[in-house]
Amino acid sequence: MSRMFRAGLLCLLALVALSVHARLFLWDAERDGKHISLLGSIHLGRADFYPLAEPIETAFARADTLVVEADVSDPAAIAPLMPMTLLPEGLQLGSLLSAKQKRQLDQALLRTGLPRASAERMKPWFLALTLSSLDMQAAGLATDQGIDLHYLRRARQQGKQIVELESAKGQFSLLDQLPQADAIALLAASLDPATVKQIKPQLDAMLRAWQSGDAKAMRRVLDADIPRNDPAMRRVSDKLFGLRNRAMLEKIEALAGQPAPLVVVGAGHLAGPDNLIDMLKARGYRVTQY
């Protein structure tokens, strides 16, 4: 369930991974002789993603510290958080939805195979992430092939220090604090047939951006996914990107050094709105993409 949560969150934010073609979603940021390596990640992947390109492997090998959004390698740590994802006892999700949204939910449950009893207990934001994750898995991506999980396992085997920029609890809490109208807007976006129809083309576009290391193309995909005429989704986007990036930036800067730590974050944080790359440049870092 923890992997499903992480996968859904990052599906809503961005989908990117890494290969040997052209440029990579890997950057070096340097200021005053101190370095940071930043790697764009997804939380679902495929076995054929590996091994990753040599510059990525080198960045991991030379790093004493692996920095991640949240350590998702221990599912047991997620169990105490699950009550946060459920509606109050006696309240059913259907009572919060319009007739149109309930019809769309019926279609989503049929498409994904998610039991209705489970869906009716979930808070809108968590159901949105769950459905997005299931759709990504149906498109051929797997939770146990995610890039951050891949490196977390290797870091533990090699005794590297692991630092969290956030935490699973912090990520759950951020979404749980969304106003109900915004949480329902997030769910409605995942239920919209027009959105569902675009899942496969969007994943393909994101993977093409990944394979060419094209951050601008990735940004176009992300921007297209957040309608400018939808105030609720713009508010959600600011919380999932801008708010989190500003908090991450302070912690990342404090870790800069020699050797450079390897920072592995969802690629939306490196290519999307208010991204970390632009923020680091604004603070005087010389940023180079591999």
Protein backbone atom coordinates (compact mmCIF):
# COMPACT_ATOMS: atom_id res chain seq x y z
CA MET A 1 0.00 0.00 0.00
CA SER A 2 2.89 2.38 0.71
CA ARG A 3 4.25 1.79 -2.77
CA MET A 4 0.80 2.30 -4.27
CA PHE A 5 0.51 5.62 -2.43
CA ARG A 6 3.90 6.80 -3.61
CA ALA A 7 3.21 5.66 -7.15
CA GLY A 8 -0.12 7.46 -7.30
CA LEU A 9 1.34 10.66 -5.90
CA LEU A 10 4.08 10.81 -8.41
CA CYS A 11 1.77 9.79 -11.23
CA LEU A 12 -0.13 12.96 -10.45
CA LEU A 13 3.06 14.97 -10.29
CA ALA A 14 5.21 13.53 -13.04
CA LEU A 15 6.44 10.41 -14.77
CA VAL A 16 10.08 10.28 -15.77
CA ALA A 17 12.97 7.81 -15.72
CA LEU A 18 16.44 7.46 -17.11
CA SER A 19 18.28 5.83 -20.04
CA VAL A 20 21.52 6.04 -21.96
CA HIS A 21 20.11 8.16 -24.80
CA ALA A 22 21.00 11.83 -25.26
CA ARG A 23 20.87 13.71 -21.97
CA LEU A 24 19.75 12.25 -18.67
CA PHE A 25 17.50 13.42 -15.86
CA LEU A 26 20.65 13.88 -13.83
CA TRP A 27 22.16 17.23 -12.82
CA ASP A 28 25.20 18.42 -10.90
CA ALA A 29 24.78 21.63 -8.88
CA GLU A 30 27.95 23.35 -7.61
CA ARG A 31 28.60 26.44 -5.51
CA ASP A 32 31.76 27.33 -3.60
CA GLY A 33 33.26 23.93 -4.36
CA LYS A 34 30.33 22.02 -2.84
CA HIS A 35 28.29 19.72 -5.08
CA ILE A 36 24.84 18.13 -5.19
CA SER A 37 23.80 15.39 -7.64
CA LEU A 38 20.09 15.46 -8.49
CA LEU A 39 18.39 12.50 -10.13
CA GLY A 40 14.84 12.56 -11.52
CA SER A 41 12.90 9.48 -10.50
CA ILE A 42 9.64 7.66 -10.78
CA HIS A 43 8.22 5.37 -8.14
CA LEU A 44 7.11 2.73 -10.61
CA GLY A 45 9.28 1.31 -13.33
CA ARG A 46 10.15 -1.68 -15.45
CA ALA A 47 12.93 -4.24 -15.19
CA ASP A 48 14.34 -3.03 -18.51
CA PHE A 49 15.14 0.37 -16.95
CA TYR A 50 18.18 -1.30 -15.36
CA PRO A 51 21.06 -0.96 -15.27
CA LEU A 52 20.79 2.81 -15.45
CA ALA A 53 23.25 4.92 -17.43
CA GLU A 54 26.89 5.00 -16.34
CA PRO A 55 26.86 8.64 -15.09
CA ILE A 56 23.96 7.76 -12.78
CA GLU A 57 25.72 4.68 -11.46
CA THR A 58 28.86 6.76 -10.92
CA ALA A 59 26.93 9.42 -9.01
CA PHE A 60 25.51 6.74 -6.72
CA ALA A 61 28.85 4.98 -6.28
CA ARG A 62 30.71 8.12 -5.19
CA ALA A 63 27.97 9.39 -2.86
CA ASP A 64 28.24 8.69 0.85
CA THR A 65 24.63 9.80 1.30
CA LEU A 66 21.44 8.92 -0.57
CA VAL A 67 18.75 11.59 -0.19
CA VAL A 68 15.12 10.67 -0.94
CA GLU A 69 11.71 12.25 -0.48
CA ALA A 70 10.70 9.44 1.87
CA ASP A 71 12.14 6.05 2.75
CA VAL A 72 9.60 3.66 1.23
CA SER A 73 11.67 0.53 1.76
CA ASP A 74 9.92 -0.39 5.03
CA PRO A 75 6.20 -1.08 4.47
CA ALA A 76 5.72 -1.61 8.21
CA ALA A 77 6.33 2.09 8.77
CA ILE A 78 3.27 2.90 6.67
CA ALA A 79 0.76 0.79 8.58
CA PRO A 80 0.16 3.34 11.38
CA LEU A 81 -0.68 5.96 8.74
CA MET A 82 -3.45 4.04 7.03
CA PRO A 83 -6.28 5.32 9.28
CA MET A 84 -5.48 8.78 7.89
CA THR A 85 -6.60 7.60 4.43
CA LEU A 86 -10.08 6.50 5.56
CA LEU A 87 -13.29 8.46 5.89
CA PRO A 88 -14.88 8.74 9.34
CA GLU A 89 -16.87 5.69 10.39
CA GLY A 90 -20.34 5.74 8.87
CA LEU A 91 -19.44 8.12 6.01
CA GLN A 92 -19.37 6.73 2.48
CA LEU A 93 -17.46 8.32 -0.39
CA GLY A 94 -20.55 8.26 -2.61
CA SER A 95 -22.25 10.78 -0.33
CA LEU A 96 -19.57 13.36 -1.27
CA LEU A 97 -19.85 12.91 -5.04
CA SER A 98 -22.21 14.22 -7.68
CA ALA A 99 -24.36 11.84 -9.70
CA LYS A 100 -21.98 12.24 -12.64
CA GLN A 101 -18.92 11.51 -10.48
CA LYS A 102 -20.59 8.40 -9.05
CA ARG A 103 -21.21 7.09 -12.56
CA GLN A 104 -17.57 7.74 -13.42
CA LEU A 105 -16.50 5.99 -10.23
CA ASP A 106 -18.50 2.94 -11.31
CA GLN A 107 -16.53 2.88 -14.57
CA ALA A 108 -13.21 3.31 -12.74
CA LEU A 109 -13.92 0.42 -10.37
CA LEU A 110 -14.87 -1.80 -13.28
CA ARG A 111 -11.71 -0.79 -15.15
CA THR A 112 -9.26 -1.25 -12.28
CA GLY A 113 -10.90 -4.07 -10.33
CA LEU A 114 -10.76 -2.10 -7.09
CA PRO A 115 -13.47 -3.42 -4.71
CA ARG A 116 -16.30 -0.97 -4.13
CA ALA A 117 -16.24 -1.60 -0.38
CA SER A 118 -12.63 -0.43 -0.27
CA ALA A 119 -13.23 2.60 -2.49
CA GLU A 120 -16.23 3.79 -0.47
CA ARG A 121 -14.10 3.93 2.68
CA MET A 122 -11.25 5.92 1.13
CA LYS A 123 -10.87 9.67 1.37
CA PRO A 124 -11.09 11.33 -2.06
CA TRP A 125 -7.39 12.21 -2.27
CA PHE A 126 -6.31 8.68 -1.44
CA LEU A 127 -8.69 7.09 -3.90
CA ALA A 128 -7.36 9.42 -6.60
CA LEU A 129 -3.82 8.21 -5.93
CA THR A 130 -4.91 4.58 -5.76
CA LEU A 131 -6.72 4.72 -9.10
CA SER A 132 -3.80 6.51 -10.75
CA SER A 133 -1.39 3.88 -9.45
CA LEU A 134 -3.58 1.03 -10.70
CA ASP A 135 -3.83 2.66 -14.13
CA MET A 136 -0.05 2.97 -14.29
CA GLN A 137 0.37 -0.67 -13.33
CA ALA A 138 -2.10 -1.65 -16.03
CA ALA A 139 0.14 0.23 -18.48
CA GLY A 140 3.06 -2.04 -17.60
CA LEU A 141 4.84 -0.27 -14.72
CA ALA A 142 5.59 -2.05 -11.44
CA THR A 143 5.85 -0.73 -7.89
CA ASP A 144 8.89 -2.87 -7.08
CA GLN A 145 10.87 -1.44 -10.01
CA GLY A 146 10.83 2.20 -8.89
CA ILE A 147 14.14 4.05 -9.13
CA ASP A 148 14.19 5.42 -5.59
CA LEU A 149 13.34 1.99 -4.15
CA HIS A 150 16.09 0.48 -6.32
CA TYR A 151 18.69 2.81 -4.85
CA LEU A 152 17.30 2.59 -1.31
CA ARG A 153 17.86 -1.16 -1.37
CA ARG A 154 21.40 -0.76 -2.67
CA ALA A 155 22.22 2.02 -0.21
CA ARG A 156 21.20 -0.20 2.69
CA GLN A 157 23.28 -3.09 1.35
CA GLN A 158 26.32 -0.83 1.03
CA GLY A 159 25.90 0.97 4.35
CA LYS A 160 25.34 4.43 2.85
CA GLN A 161 23.62 7.09 4.92
CA ILE A 162 19.95 7.62 3.96
CA VAL A 163 18.35 11.02 4.51
CA GLU A 164 14.66 11.84 4.06
CA LEU A 165 13.67 15.26 2.74
CA GLU A 166 10.11 14.60 3.84
CA SER A 167 8.58 11.43 5.25
CA ALA A 168 5.70 9.16 4.41
CA LYS A 169 3.76 10.72 7.28
CA GLY A 170 4.48 14.21 6.00
CA GLN A 171 3.31 13.33 2.50
CA PHE A 172 0.11 11.73 3.79
CA SER A 173 -0.53 14.74 6.03
CA LEU A 174 -0.01 17.23 3.21
CA LEU A 175 -2.72 15.63 1.11
CA ASP A 176 -4.97 14.98 4.08
CA GLN A 177 -4.94 18.71 4.81
CA LEU A 178 -6.35 19.59 1.40
CA PRO A 179 -9.73 21.30 1.63
CA GLN A 180 -12.47 18.83 0.80
CA ALA A 181 -13.34 20.67 -2.42
CA ASP A 182 -9.74 20.39 -3.63
CA ALA A 183 -9.50 16.72 -2.67
CA ILE A 184 -12.69 15.98 -4.59
CA ALA A 185 -11.34 17.96 -7.57
CA LEU A 186 -8.25 15.73 -7.49
CA LEU A 187 -10.44 12.64 -7.51
CA ALA A 188 -12.70 14.04 -10.22
CA ALA A 189 -9.66 14.54 -12.46
CA SER A 190 -8.72 10.88 -12.07
CA LEU A 191 -12.30 9.81 -12.85
CA ASP A 192 -12.84 12.02 -15.91
CA PRO A 193 -13.12 9.77 -19.00
CA ALA A 194 -11.16 12.34 -21.01
CA THR A 195 -8.31 12.06 -18.50
CA VAL A 196 -8.45 8.28 -18.48
CA LYS A 197 -8.30 8.22 -22.27
CA GLN A 198 -5.10 10.26 -22.15
CA ILE A 199 -3.28 8.05 -19.61
CA LYS A 200 -1.48 5.88 -22.18
CA PRO A 201 -0.54 8.78 -24.52
CA GLN A 202 0.61 10.82 -21.55
CA LEU A 203 2.75 8.00 -20.19
CA ASP A 204 4.27 7.54 -23.65
CA ALA A 205 5.03 11.27 -23.88
CA MET A 206 6.63 11.27 -20.45
CA LEU A 207 8.77 8.26 -21.28
CA ARG A 208 9.91 9.93 -24.50
CA ALA A 209 10.91 12.98 -22.48
CA TRP A 210 12.74 10.68 -20.09
CA GLN A 211 14.58 8.83 -22.83
CA SER A 212 15.82 12.04 -24.41
CA GLY A 213 16.55 13.82 -21.12
CA ASP A 214 14.22 16.57 -22.30
CA ALA A 215 13.16 18.57 -19.25
CA LYS A 216 11.25 21.09 -21.39
CA ALA A 217 9.14 18.35 -22.94
CA MET A 218 8.48 16.95 -19.47
CA ARG A 219 7.36 20.39 -18.32
CA ARG A 220 4.91 20.58 -21.23
CA VAL A 221 3.40 17.26 -20.20
CA LEU A 222 3.05 18.43 -16.61
CA ASP A 223 1.54 21.77 -17.59
CA ALA A 224 -1.00 20.05 -19.83
CA ASP A 225 -2.04 17.88 -16.91
CA ILE A 226 -2.96 20.90 -14.74
CA PRO A 227 -5.75 22.94 -16.37
CA ARG A 228 -5.13 26.66 -15.95
CA ASN A 229 -8.88 27.31 -15.75
CA ASP A 230 -9.35 24.99 -12.77
CA PRO A 231 -8.59 26.95 -9.56
CA ALA A 232 -8.81 23.86 -7.35
CA MET A 233 -6.26 21.93 -9.39
CA ARG A 234 -3.96 24.95 -9.51
CA ARG A 235 -4.07 25.09 -5.70
CA VAL A 236 -3.32 21.37 -5.52
CA SER A 237 -0.42 21.80 -7.95
CA ASP A 238 1.09 24.57 -5.85
CA LYS A 239 0.99 22.38 -2.76
CA LEU A 240 2.40 19.33 -4.50
CA PHE A 241 5.14 21.24 -6.31
CA GLY A 242 5.92 24.74 -5.07
CA LEU A 243 5.29 24.27 -1.35
CA ARG A 244 7.21 21.02 -1.17
CA ASN A 245 10.06 22.20 -3.38
CA ARG A 246 10.70 25.25 -1.24
CA ALA A 247 10.91 23.07 1.86
CA MET A 248 13.11 20.48 0.12
CA LEU A 249 15.50 23.14 -1.15
CA GLU A 250 16.59 24.20 2.34
CA LYS A 251 17.43 20.63 3.32
CA ILE A 252 19.18 19.85 0.04
CA GLU A 253 21.42 22.92 0.32
CA ALA A 254 22.46 21.90 3.83
CA LEU A 255 23.68 18.55 2.47
CA ALA A 256 25.87 19.95 -0.33
CA GLY A 257 29.44 18.75 -0.07
CA GLN A 258 32.31 16.74 -1.46
CA PRO A 259 31.58 14.01 -2.36
CA ALA A 260 28.20 15.09 -3.62
CA PRO A 261 25.16 13.43 -2.04
CA LEU A 262 22.82 11.79 -4.56
CA VAL A 263 19.37 13.38 -4.27
CA VAL A 264 16.65 11.21 -5.82
CA VAL A 265 13.30 12.99 -6.19
CA GLY A 266 10.36 12.68 -8.51
CA ALA A 267 11.20 14.23 -11.86
CA GLY A 268 8.33 16.67 -11.52
CA HIS A 269 10.38 18.38 -8.83
CA LEU A 270 13.19 18.92 -11.34
CA ALA A 271 11.15 19.85 -14.41
CA GLY A 272 7.74 21.01 -13.22
CA PRO A 273 6.42 24.27 -11.79
CA ASP A 274 8.73 26.02 -9.28
CA ASN A 275 11.29 23.28 -9.83
CA LEU A 276 14.42 22.68 -7.78
CA ILE A 277 16.78 23.22 -10.72
CA ASP A 278 15.56 26.80 -11.24
CA MET A 279 15.59 27.45 -7.51
CA LEU A 280 19.20 26.30 -7.20
CA LYS A 281 20.24 28.49 -10.13
CA ALA A 282 18.52 31.45 -8.47
CA ARG A 283 20.67 30.84 -5.38
CA GLY A 284 23.88 31.00 -7.36
CA TYR A 285 24.53 27.33 -8.12
CA ARG A 286 26.14 26.37 -11.41
CA VAL A 287 23.85 23.60 -12.63
CA THR A 288 24.93 21.17 -15.35
CA GLN A 289 22.78 18.47 -16.90
CA TYR A 290 24.44 15.17 -17.84
